[in-house]
Structure formats: structure tokens, C-alpha cells
Amino acid sequence: RDKTKDNVLYDACRKIITATSGGKYDKVIQAVTMAELKYLEE
């Protein structure tokens, strides 16, 4: 997040950091799993 200039990647990182800070660990794992599927598809 600190080095990227891409808005989509920045927002995704920010959401993961916020979810972790809020104790929503399941949501973090879900988000990364979905990102992995989309990454492989792309």
C-alpha cells in the first residue's frame, strides 16, 4: 500500500488492513481467496 500508485490495489490493501485491525480475520482470508481466483483467471 505504501509503494503502490494503483488505486484498486491500494484500496484492496487498505480493506485488508482495516479488516485485520477490526478483528475480522475470516473476511481477510475470504478476500485473499477471492483475489487468488481472480488472479488465476486473469
All heavy atoms as atom14 arrays in JSON, in Angstrom:
{
  "sequence": "RDKTKDNVLYDACRKIITATSGGKYDKVIQAVTMAELKYLEE",
  "atom14_mask": [
    [1, 1, 1, 1, 1, 1, 1, 1, 1, 1, 1, 0, 0, 0],
    [1, 1, 1, 1, 1, 1, 1, 1, 0, 0, 0, 0, 0, 0],
    [1, 1, 1, 1, 1, 1, 1, 1, 1, 0, 0, 0, 0, 0],
    [1, 1, 1, 1, 1, 1, 1, 0, 0, 0, 0, 0, 0, 0],
    [1, 1, 1, 1, 1, 1, 1, 1, 1, 0, 0, 0, 0, 0],
    [1, 1, 1, 1, 1, 1, 1, 1, 0, 0, 0, 0, 0, 0],
    [1, 1, 1, 1, 1, 1, 1, 1, 0, 0, 0, 0, 0, 0],
    [1, 1, 1, 1, 1, 1, 1, 0, 0, 0, 0, 0, 0, 0],
    [1, 1, 1, 1, 1, 1, 1, 1, 0, 0, 0, 0, 0, 0],
    [1, 1, 1, 1, 1, 1, 1, 1, 1, 1, 1, 1, 0, 0],
    [1, 1, 1, 1, 1, 1, 1, 1, 0, 0, 0, 0, 0, 0],
    [1, 1, 1, 1, 1, 0, 0, 0, 0, 0, 0, 0, 0, 0],
    [1, 1, 1, 1, 1, 1, 0, 0, 0, 0, 0, 0, 0, 0],
    [1, 1, 1, 1, 1, 1, 1, 1, 1, 1, 1, 0, 0, 0],
    [1, 1, 1, 1, 1, 1, 1, 1, 1, 0, 0, 0, 0, 0],
    [1, 1, 1, 1, 1, 1, 1, 1, 0, 0, 0, 0, 0, 0],
    [1, 1, 1, 1, 1, 1, 1, 1, 0, 0, 0, 0, 0, 0],
    [1, 1, 1, 1, 1, 1, 1, 0, 0, 0, 0, 0, 0, 0],
    [1, 1, 1, 1, 1, 0, 0, 0, 0, 0, 0, 0, 0, 0],
    [1, 1, 1, 1, 1, 1, 1, 0, 0, 0, 0, 0, 0, 0],
    [1, 1, 1, 1, 1, 1, 0, 0, 0, 0, 0, 0, 0, 0],
    [1, 1, 1, 1, 0, 0, 0, 0, 0, 0, 0, 0, 0, 0],
    [1, 1, 1, 1, 0, 0, 0, 0, 0, 0, 0, 0, 0, 0],
    [1, 1, 1, 1, 1, 1, 1, 1, 1, 0, 0, 0, 0, 0],
    [1, 1, 1, 1, 1, 1, 1, 1, 1, 1, 1, 1, 0, 0],
    [1, 1, 1, 1, 1, 1, 1, 1, 0, 0, 0, 0, 0, 0],
    [1, 1, 1, 1, 1, 1, 1, 1, 1, 0, 0, 0, 0, 0],
    [1, 1, 1, 1, 1, 1, 1, 0, 0, 0, 0, 0, 0, 0],
    [1, 1, 1, 1, 1, 1, 1, 1, 0, 0, 0, 0, 0, 0],
    [1, 1, 1, 1, 1, 1, 1, 1, 1, 0, 0, 0, 0, 0],
    [1, 1, 1, 1, 1, 0, 0, 0, 0, 0, 0, 0, 0, 0],
    [1, 1, 1, 1, 1, 1, 1, 0, 0, 0, 0, 0, 0, 0],
    [1, 1, 1, 1, 1, 1, 1, 0, 0, 0, 0, 0, 0, 0],
    [1, 1, 1, 1, 1, 1, 1, 1, 0, 0, 0, 0, 0, 0],
    [1, 1, 1, 1, 1, 0, 0, 0, 0, 0, 0, 0, 0, 0],
    [1, 1, 1, 1, 1, 1, 1, 1, 1, 0, 0, 0, 0, 0],
    [1, 1, 1, 1, 1, 1, 1, 1, 0, 0, 0, 0, 0, 0],
    [1, 1, 1, 1, 1, 1, 1, 1, 1, 0, 0, 0, 0, 0],
    [1, 1, 1, 1, 1, 1, 1, 1, 1, 1, 1, 1, 0, 0],
    [1, 1, 1, 1, 1, 1, 1, 1, 0, 0, 0, 0, 0, 0],
    [1, 1, 1, 1, 1, 1, 1, 1, 1, 0, 0, 0, 0, 0],
    [1, 1, 1, 1, 1, 1, 1, 1, 1, 0, 0, 0, 0, 0]
  ],
  "atom14_positions": [
    [[0.83, -1.21, 0.0], [0.0, 0.0, 0.0], [0.87, 1.26, 0.0], [0.57, 2.24, -0.68], [-0.9, 0.0, 1.22], [-1.8, 1.22, 1.31], [-2.3, 1.46, 2.68], [-1.18, 1.68, 3.6], [-1.28, 1.75, 4.9], [-2.44, 1.61, 5.48], [-0.22, 1.96, 5.65], [0.0, 0.0, 0.0], [0.0, 0.0, 0.0], [0.0, 0.0, 0.0]],
    [[1.95, 1.22, 0.75], [2.83, 2.4, 0.85], [3.57, 2.71, -0.44], [3.94, 3.85, -0.68], [3.83, 2.21, 1.99], [3.17, 2.25, 3.35], [2.01, 2.71, 3.46], [3.8, 1.8, 4.33], [0.0, 0.0, 0.0], [0.0, 0.0, 0.0], [0.0, 0.0, 0.0], [0.0, 0.0, 0.0], [0.0, 0.0, 0.0], [0.0, 0.0, 0.0]],
    [[3.78, 1.71, -1.29], [4.55, 1.97, -2.51], [3.72, 2.0, -3.79], [4.17, 2.52, -4.8], [5.66, 0.94, -2.66], [5.21, -0.42, -3.06], [6.4, -1.34, -3.32], [5.9, -2.65, -3.89], [6.96, -3.49, -4.35], [0.0, 0.0, 0.0], [0.0, 0.0, 0.0], [0.0, 0.0, 0.0], [0.0, 0.0, 0.0], [0.0, 0.0, 0.0]],
    [[2.48, 1.49, -3.75], [1.7, 1.41, -4.98], [1.08, 2.75, -5.36], [0.78, 3.58, -4.52], [0.6, 0.33, -4.86], [0.05, 0.13, -6.16], [-0.5, 0.73, -3.91], [0.0, 0.0, 0.0], [0.0, 0.0, 0.0], [0.0, 0.0, 0.0], [0.0, 0.0, 0.0], [0.0, 0.0, 0.0], [0.0, 0.0, 0.0], [0.0, 0.0, 0.0]],
    [[0.89, 2.9, -6.65], [0.21, 4.07, -7.18], [-1.12, 3.67, -7.81], [-1.86, 4.5, -8.29], [1.09, 4.76, -8.22], [2.47, 5.13, -7.7], [2.74, 6.58, -7.9], [4.13, 7.01, -7.52], [4.57, 6.74, -6.2], [0.0, 0.0, 0.0], [0.0, 0.0, 0.0], [0.0, 0.0, 0.0], [0.0, 0.0, 0.0], [0.0, 0.0, 0.0]],
    [[-1.4, 2.36, -7.82], [-2.63, 1.83, -8.39], [-3.76, 1.93, -7.36], [-3.64, 1.42, -6.25], [-2.42, 0.37, -8.8], [-3.66, -0.22, -9.43], [-4.04, 0.25, -10.52], [-4.23, -1.13, -8.82], [0.0, 0.0, 0.0], [0.0, 0.0, 0.0], [0.0, 0.0, 0.0], [0.0, 0.0, 0.0], [0.0, 0.0, 0.0], [0.0, 0.0, 0.0]],
    [[-4.84, 2.6, -7.73], [-5.95, 2.83, -6.8], [-6.65, 1.55, -6.38], [-7.03, 1.4, -5.22], [-6.96, 3.79, -7.4], [-6.43, 5.2, -7.47], [-5.57, 5.57, -6.69], [-6.92, 5.98, -8.42], [0.0, 0.0, 0.0], [0.0, 0.0, 0.0], [0.0, 0.0, 0.0], [0.0, 0.0, 0.0], [0.0, 0.0, 0.0], [0.0, 0.0, 0.0]],
    [[-6.84, 0.61, -7.29], [-7.54, -0.63, -6.97], [-6.73, -1.45, -5.96], [-7.26, -1.94, -4.96], [-7.83, -1.45, -8.24], [-8.42, -2.8, -7.91], [-8.73, -0.67, -9.18], [0.0, 0.0, 0.0], [0.0, 0.0, 0.0], [0.0, 0.0, 0.0], [0.0, 0.0, 0.0], [0.0, 0.0, 0.0], [0.0, 0.0, 0.0], [0.0, 0.0, 0.0]],
    [[-5.45, -1.58, -6.22], [-4.57, -2.33, -5.31], [-4.46, -1.62, -3.96], [-4.5, -2.27, -2.91], [-3.19, -2.51, -5.94], [-2.21, -3.41, -5.2], [-2.79, -4.8, -4.99], [-0.91, -3.5, -5.97], [0.0, 0.0, 0.0], [0.0, 0.0, 0.0], [0.0, 0.0, 0.0], [0.0, 0.0, 0.0], [0.0, 0.0, 0.0], [0.0, 0.0, 0.0]],
    [[-4.38, -0.31, -3.98], [-4.31, 0.48, -2.75], [-5.57, 0.25, -1.9], [-5.47, -0.01, -0.7], [-4.16, 1.96, -3.08], [-4.08, 2.86, -1.86], [-2.85, 3.14, -1.29], [-5.22, 3.4, -1.29], [-2.76, 3.94, -0.16], [-5.15, 4.2, -0.17], [-3.91, 4.48, 0.39], [-3.85, 5.27, 1.52], [0.0, 0.0, 0.0], [0.0, 0.0, 0.0]],
    [[-6.73, 0.33, -2.53], [-7.99, 0.13, -1.81], [-8.12, -1.29, -1.26], [-8.6, -1.5, -0.15], [-9.2, 0.45, -2.7], [-9.34, 1.94, -2.95], [-8.79, 2.74, -2.17], [-10.01, 2.3, -3.94], [0.0, 0.0, 0.0], [0.0, 0.0, 0.0], [0.0, 0.0, 0.0], [0.0, 0.0, 0.0], [0.0, 0.0, 0.0], [0.0, 0.0, 0.0]],
    [[-7.7, -2.28, -2.06], [-7.77, -3.67, -1.6], [-6.87, -3.88, -0.38], [-7.28, -4.51, 0.6], [-7.36, -4.61, -2.73], [0.0, 0.0, 0.0], [0.0, 0.0, 0.0], [0.0, 0.0, 0.0], [0.0, 0.0, 0.0], [0.0, 0.0, 0.0], [0.0, 0.0, 0.0], [0.0, 0.0, 0.0], [0.0, 0.0, 0.0], [0.0, 0.0, 0.0]],
    [[-5.68, -3.32, -0.43], [-4.76, -3.43, 0.71], [-5.33, -2.72, 1.93], [-5.27, -3.23, 3.05], [-3.4, -2.86, 0.36], [-2.44, -3.92, -0.74], [0.0, 0.0, 0.0], [0.0, 0.0, 0.0], [0.0, 0.0, 0.0], [0.0, 0.0, 0.0], [0.0, 0.0, 0.0], [0.0, 0.0, 0.0], [0.0, 0.0, 0.0], [0.0, 0.0, 0.0]],
    [[-5.91, -1.57, 1.71], [-6.49, -0.8, 2.82], [-7.63, -1.58, 3.48], [-7.74, -1.62, 4.71], [-6.99, 0.54, 2.32], [-7.38, 1.53, 3.4], [-7.67, 2.9, 2.83], [-8.61, 2.86, 1.73], [-9.93, 3.01, 1.86], [-10.47, 3.21, 3.03], [-10.71, 2.97, 0.8], [0.0, 0.0, 0.0], [0.0, 0.0, 0.0], [0.0, 0.0, 0.0]],
    [[-8.46, -2.22, 2.69], [-9.57, -3.01, 3.23], [-9.07, -4.2, 4.04], [-9.63, -4.52, 5.09], [-10.48, -3.49, 2.11], [-11.34, -2.39, 1.53], [-12.2, -2.88, 0.4], [-12.97, -1.73, -0.22], [-13.77, -2.16, -1.38], [0.0, 0.0, 0.0], [0.0, 0.0, 0.0], [0.0, 0.0, 0.0], [0.0, 0.0, 0.0], [0.0, 0.0, 0.0]],
    [[-8.02, -4.84, 3.57], [-7.44, -5.97, 4.3], [-6.86, -5.51, 5.62], [-7.06, -6.13, 6.67], [-6.39, -6.7, 3.44], [-7.1, -7.48, 2.33], [-5.52, -7.63, 4.29], [-6.18, -8.1, 1.31], [0.0, 0.0, 0.0], [0.0, 0.0, 0.0], [0.0, 0.0, 0.0], [0.0, 0.0, 0.0], [0.0, 0.0, 0.0], [0.0, 0.0, 0.0]],
    [[-6.15, -4.4, 5.6], [-5.55, -3.85, 6.83], [-6.64, -3.46, 7.82], [-6.55, -3.76, 9.02], [-4.64, -2.66, 6.48], [-3.44, -3.13, 5.66], [-4.17, -1.95, 7.75], [-2.69, -2.03, 4.96], [0.0, 0.0, 0.0], [0.0, 0.0, 0.0], [0.0, 0.0, 0.0], [0.0, 0.0, 0.0], [0.0, 0.0, 0.0], [0.0, 0.0, 0.0]],
    [[-7.68, -2.81, 7.34], [-8.79, -2.39, 8.2], [-9.52, -3.6, 8.8], [-9.85, -3.6, 9.99], [-9.78, -1.52, 7.41], [-9.08, -0.4, 6.86], [-10.9, -1.02, 8.3], [0.0, 0.0, 0.0], [0.0, 0.0, 0.0], [0.0, 0.0, 0.0], [0.0, 0.0, 0.0], [0.0, 0.0, 0.0], [0.0, 0.0, 0.0], [0.0, 0.0, 0.0]],
    [[-9.76, -4.61, 7.99], [-10.44, -5.81, 8.48], [-9.6, -6.52, 9.55], [-10.13, -6.98, 10.56], [-10.75, -6.76, 7.33], [0.0, 0.0, 0.0], [0.0, 0.0, 0.0], [0.0, 0.0, 0.0], [0.0, 0.0, 0.0], [0.0, 0.0, 0.0], [0.0, 0.0, 0.0], [0.0, 0.0, 0.0], [0.0, 0.0, 0.0], [0.0, 0.0, 0.0]],
    [[-8.3, -6.58, 9.33], [-7.42, -7.21, 10.31], [-7.42, -6.42, 11.61], [-7.51, -6.99, 12.7], [-5.99, -7.34, 9.77], [-6.01, -8.11, 8.56], [-5.07, -8.02, 10.76], [0.0, 0.0, 0.0], [0.0, 0.0, 0.0], [0.0, 0.0, 0.0], [0.0, 0.0, 0.0], [0.0, 0.0, 0.0], [0.0, 0.0, 0.0], [0.0, 0.0, 0.0]],
    [[-7.34, -5.11, 11.49], [-7.36, -4.26, 12.69], [-8.68, -4.4, 13.46], [-8.69, -4.3, 14.68], [-7.16, -2.8, 12.31], [-5.91, -2.61, 11.72], [0.0, 0.0, 0.0], [0.0, 0.0, 0.0], [0.0, 0.0, 0.0], [0.0, 0.0, 0.0], [0.0, 0.0, 0.0], [0.0, 0.0, 0.0], [0.0, 0.0, 0.0], [0.0, 0.0, 0.0]],
    [[-9.76, -4.64, 12.74], [-11.07, -4.79, 13.36], [-11.37, -6.2, 13.85], [-12.46, -6.47, 14.36], [0.0, 0.0, 0.0], [0.0, 0.0, 0.0], [0.0, 0.0, 0.0], [0.0, 0.0, 0.0], [0.0, 0.0, 0.0], [0.0, 0.0, 0.0], [0.0, 0.0, 0.0], [0.0, 0.0, 0.0], [0.0, 0.0, 0.0], [0.0, 0.0, 0.0]],
    [[-10.42, -7.11, 13.68], [-10.61, -8.47, 14.15], [-11.45, -9.34, 13.24], [-11.9, -10.42, 13.63], [0.0, 0.0, 0.0], [0.0, 0.0, 0.0], [0.0, 0.0, 0.0], [0.0, 0.0, 0.0], [0.0, 0.0, 0.0], [0.0, 0.0, 0.0], [0.0, 0.0, 0.0], [0.0, 0.0, 0.0], [0.0, 0.0, 0.0], [0.0, 0.0, 0.0]],
    [[-11.64, -8.9, 12.01], [-12.46, -9.66, 11.04], [-11.54, -10.54, 10.19], [-11.43, -10.36, 8.98], [-13.27, -8.71, 10.18], [-14.24, -7.88, 11.0], [-14.94, -6.86, 10.14], [-15.84, -6.0, 11.01], [-16.36, -4.85, 10.3], [0.0, 0.0, 0.0], [0.0, 0.0, 0.0], [0.0, 0.0, 0.0], [0.0, 0.0, 0.0], [0.0, 0.0, 0.0]],
    [[-10.92, -11.49, 10.84], [-9.9, -12.32, 10.19], [-10.48, -13.21, 9.1], [-9.83, -13.45, 8.09], [-9.16, -13.15, 11.24], [-8.62, -12.31, 12.38], [-9.06, -12.49, 13.68], [-7.67, -11.32, 12.13], [-8.57, -11.71, 14.71], [-7.19, -10.53, 13.16], [-7.64, -10.74, 14.45], [-7.14, -9.96, 15.46], [0.0, 0.0, 0.0], [0.0, 0.0, 0.0]],
    [[-11.7, -13.69, 9.3], [-12.34, -14.52, 8.28], [-12.54, -13.74, 6.98], [-12.36, -14.3, 5.89], [-13.71, -15.03, 8.76], [-13.59, -16.07, 9.85], [-12.52, -16.71, 9.93], [-14.55, -16.23, 10.63], [0.0, 0.0, 0.0], [0.0, 0.0, 0.0], [0.0, 0.0, 0.0], [0.0, 0.0, 0.0], [0.0, 0.0, 0.0], [0.0, 0.0, 0.0]],
    [[-12.89, -12.48, 7.09], [-13.09, -11.64, 5.9], [-11.79, -11.45, 5.13], [-11.79, -11.38, 3.91], [-13.7, -10.3, 6.28], [-15.12, -10.43, 6.74], [-15.82, -9.1, 6.76], [-17.23, -9.33, 7.25], [-18.21, -8.67, 6.45], [0.0, 0.0, 0.0], [0.0, 0.0, 0.0], [0.0, 0.0, 0.0], [0.0, 0.0, 0.0], [0.0, 0.0, 0.0]],
    [[-10.68, -11.35, 5.87], [-9.37, -11.21, 5.22], [-9.06, -12.45, 4.4], [-8.67, -12.37, 3.23], [-8.25, -10.95, 6.27], [-6.88, -11.0, 5.62], [-8.48, -9.63, 6.96], [0.0, 0.0, 0.0], [0.0, 0.0, 0.0], [0.0, 0.0, 0.0], [0.0, 0.0, 0.0], [0.0, 0.0, 0.0], [0.0, 0.0, 0.0], [0.0, 0.0, 0.0]],
    [[-9.25, -13.61, 5.01], [-8.96, -14.86, 4.31], [-9.89, -15.02, 3.1], [-9.45, -15.43, 2.02], [-9.1, -16.07, 5.27], [-8.16, -15.91, 6.47], [-8.85, -17.38, 4.54], [-6.69, -15.73, 6.13], [0.0, 0.0, 0.0], [0.0, 0.0, 0.0], [0.0, 0.0, 0.0], [0.0, 0.0, 0.0], [0.0, 0.0, 0.0], [0.0, 0.0, 0.0]],
    [[-11.16, -14.66, 3.25], [-12.11, -14.71, 2.13], [-11.67, -13.79, 1.0], [-11.72, -14.16, -0.18], [-13.5, -14.3, 2.58], [-14.33, -15.39, 3.13], [-15.74, -14.9, 3.46], [-15.93, -13.74, 3.83], [-16.71, -15.77, 3.35], [0.0, 0.0, 0.0], [0.0, 0.0, 0.0], [0.0, 0.0, 0.0], [0.0, 0.0, 0.0], [0.0, 0.0, 0.0]],
    [[-11.25, -12.58, 1.35], [-10.84, -11.6, 0.33], [-9.62, -12.09, -0.44], [-9.55, -11.96, -1.66], [-10.54, -10.26, 0.99], [0.0, 0.0, 0.0], [0.0, 0.0, 0.0], [0.0, 0.0, 0.0], [0.0, 0.0, 0.0], [0.0, 0.0, 0.0], [0.0, 0.0, 0.0], [0.0, 0.0, 0.0], [0.0, 0.0, 0.0], [0.0, 0.0, 0.0]],
    [[-8.67, -12.66, 0.27], [-7.45, -13.16, -0.39], [-7.78, -14.37, -1.26], [-7.23, -14.51, -2.36], [-6.35, -13.47, 0.65], [-5.17, -14.14, 0.0], [-5.92, -12.19, 1.35], [0.0, 0.0, 0.0], [0.0, 0.0, 0.0], [0.0, 0.0, 0.0], [0.0, 0.0, 0.0], [0.0, 0.0, 0.0], [0.0, 0.0, 0.0], [0.0, 0.0, 0.0]],
    [[-8.67, -15.21, -0.81], [-9.07, -16.38, -1.6], [-9.75, -15.93, -2.89], [-9.46, -16.47, -3.97], [-10.01, -17.28, -0.78], [-9.33, -17.69, 0.41], [-10.41, -18.52, -1.57], [0.0, 0.0, 0.0], [0.0, 0.0, 0.0], [0.0, 0.0, 0.0], [0.0, 0.0, 0.0], [0.0, 0.0, 0.0], [0.0, 0.0, 0.0], [0.0, 0.0, 0.0]],
    [[-10.62, -14.95, -2.79], [-11.28, -14.41, -3.99], [-10.26, -13.75, -4.92], [-10.33, -13.89, -6.14], [-12.37, -13.41, -3.62], [-13.61, -14.05, -3.03], [-14.38, -15.25, -4.12], [-14.86, -14.22, -5.48], [0.0, 0.0, 0.0], [0.0, 0.0, 0.0], [0.0, 0.0, 0.0], [0.0, 0.0, 0.0], [0.0, 0.0, 0.0], [0.0, 0.0, 0.0]],
    [[-9.31, -13.03, -4.34], [-8.27, -12.38, -5.15], [-7.43, -13.42, -5.88], [-7.06, -13.22, -7.04], [-7.39, -11.52, -4.26], [0.0, 0.0, 0.0], [0.0, 0.0, 0.0], [0.0, 0.0, 0.0], [0.0, 0.0, 0.0], [0.0, 0.0, 0.0], [0.0, 0.0, 0.0], [0.0, 0.0, 0.0], [0.0, 0.0, 0.0], [0.0, 0.0, 0.0]],
    [[-7.18, -14.53, -5.21], [-6.4, -15.59, -5.85], [-7.15, -16.17, -7.05], [-6.56, -16.39, -8.11], [-6.09, -16.69, -4.84], [-5.22, -17.79, -5.4], [-4.83, -18.82, -4.37], [-5.2, -18.69, -3.19], [-4.12, -19.77, -4.76], [0.0, 0.0, 0.0], [0.0, 0.0, 0.0], [0.0, 0.0, 0.0], [0.0, 0.0, 0.0], [0.0, 0.0, 0.0]],
    [[-8.43, -16.4, -6.89], [-9.23, -16.92, -8.0], [-9.25, -15.95, -9.18], [-9.1, -16.35, -10.33], [-10.65, -17.22, -7.53], [-10.8, -18.37, -6.53], [-12.24, -18.45, -6.03], [-10.36, -19.68, -7.13], [0.0, 0.0, 0.0], [0.0, 0.0, 0.0], [0.0, 0.0, 0.0], [0.0, 0.0, 0.0], [0.0, 0.0, 0.0], [0.0, 0.0, 0.0]],
    [[-9.45, -14.68, -8.88], [-9.46, -13.67, -9.94], [-8.1, -13.52, -10.59], [-7.99, -13.33, -11.8], [-9.92, -12.33, -9.37], [-11.38, -12.32, -9.02], [-11.81, -11.0, -8.42], [-13.26, -11.03, -8.02], [-13.7, -9.79, -7.4], [0.0, 0.0, 0.0], [0.0, 0.0, 0.0], [0.0, 0.0, 0.0], [0.0, 0.0, 0.0], [0.0, 0.0, 0.0]],
    [[-7.03, -13.62, -9.79], [-5.67, -13.53, -10.32], [-5.42, -14.68, -11.3], [-4.92, -14.46, -12.4], [-4.66, -13.59, -9.16], [-3.23, -13.5, -9.59], [-2.59, -12.26, -9.67], [-2.48, -14.63, -9.91], [-1.27, -12.16, -10.07], [-1.17, -14.53, -10.3], [-0.56, -13.31, -10.38], [0.75, -13.21, -10.78], [0.0, 0.0, 0.0], [0.0, 0.0, 0.0]],
    [[-5.78, -15.89, -10.9], [-5.57, -17.06, -11.78], [-6.4, -16.93, -13.04], [-5.93, -17.26, -14.13], [-5.92, -18.34, -11.02], [-4.98, -18.71, -9.89], [-5.51, -19.92, -9.13], [-3.58, -18.99, -10.42], [0.0, 0.0, 0.0], [0.0, 0.0, 0.0], [0.0, 0.0, 0.0], [0.0, 0.0, 0.0], [0.0, 0.0, 0.0], [0.0, 0.0, 0.0]],
    [[-7.61, -16.44, -12.91], [-8.48, -16.25, -14.07], [-7.89, -15.22, -15.05], [-7.91, -15.42, -16.26], [-9.85, -15.78, -13.59], [-10.88, -15.61, -14.66], [-12.19, -15.13, -14.08], [-12.78, -15.87, -13.25], [-12.62, -14.01, -14.43], [0.0, 0.0, 0.0], [0.0, 0.0, 0.0], [0.0, 0.0, 0.0], [0.0, 0.0, 0.0], [0.0, 0.0, 0.0]],
    [[-7.33, -14.15, -14.5], [-6.8, -13.07, -15.34], [-5.46, -13.4, -15.99], [-5.25, -13.12, -17.16], [-6.64, -11.8, -14.48], [-6.15, -10.62, -15.23], [-7.13, -10.09, -16.26], [-8.35, -10.27, -16.09], [-6.67, -9.52, -17.27], [0.0, 0.0, 0.0], [0.0, 0.0, 0.0], [0.0, 0.0, 0.0], [0.0, 0.0, 0.0], [0.0, 0.0, 0.0]]
  ]
}
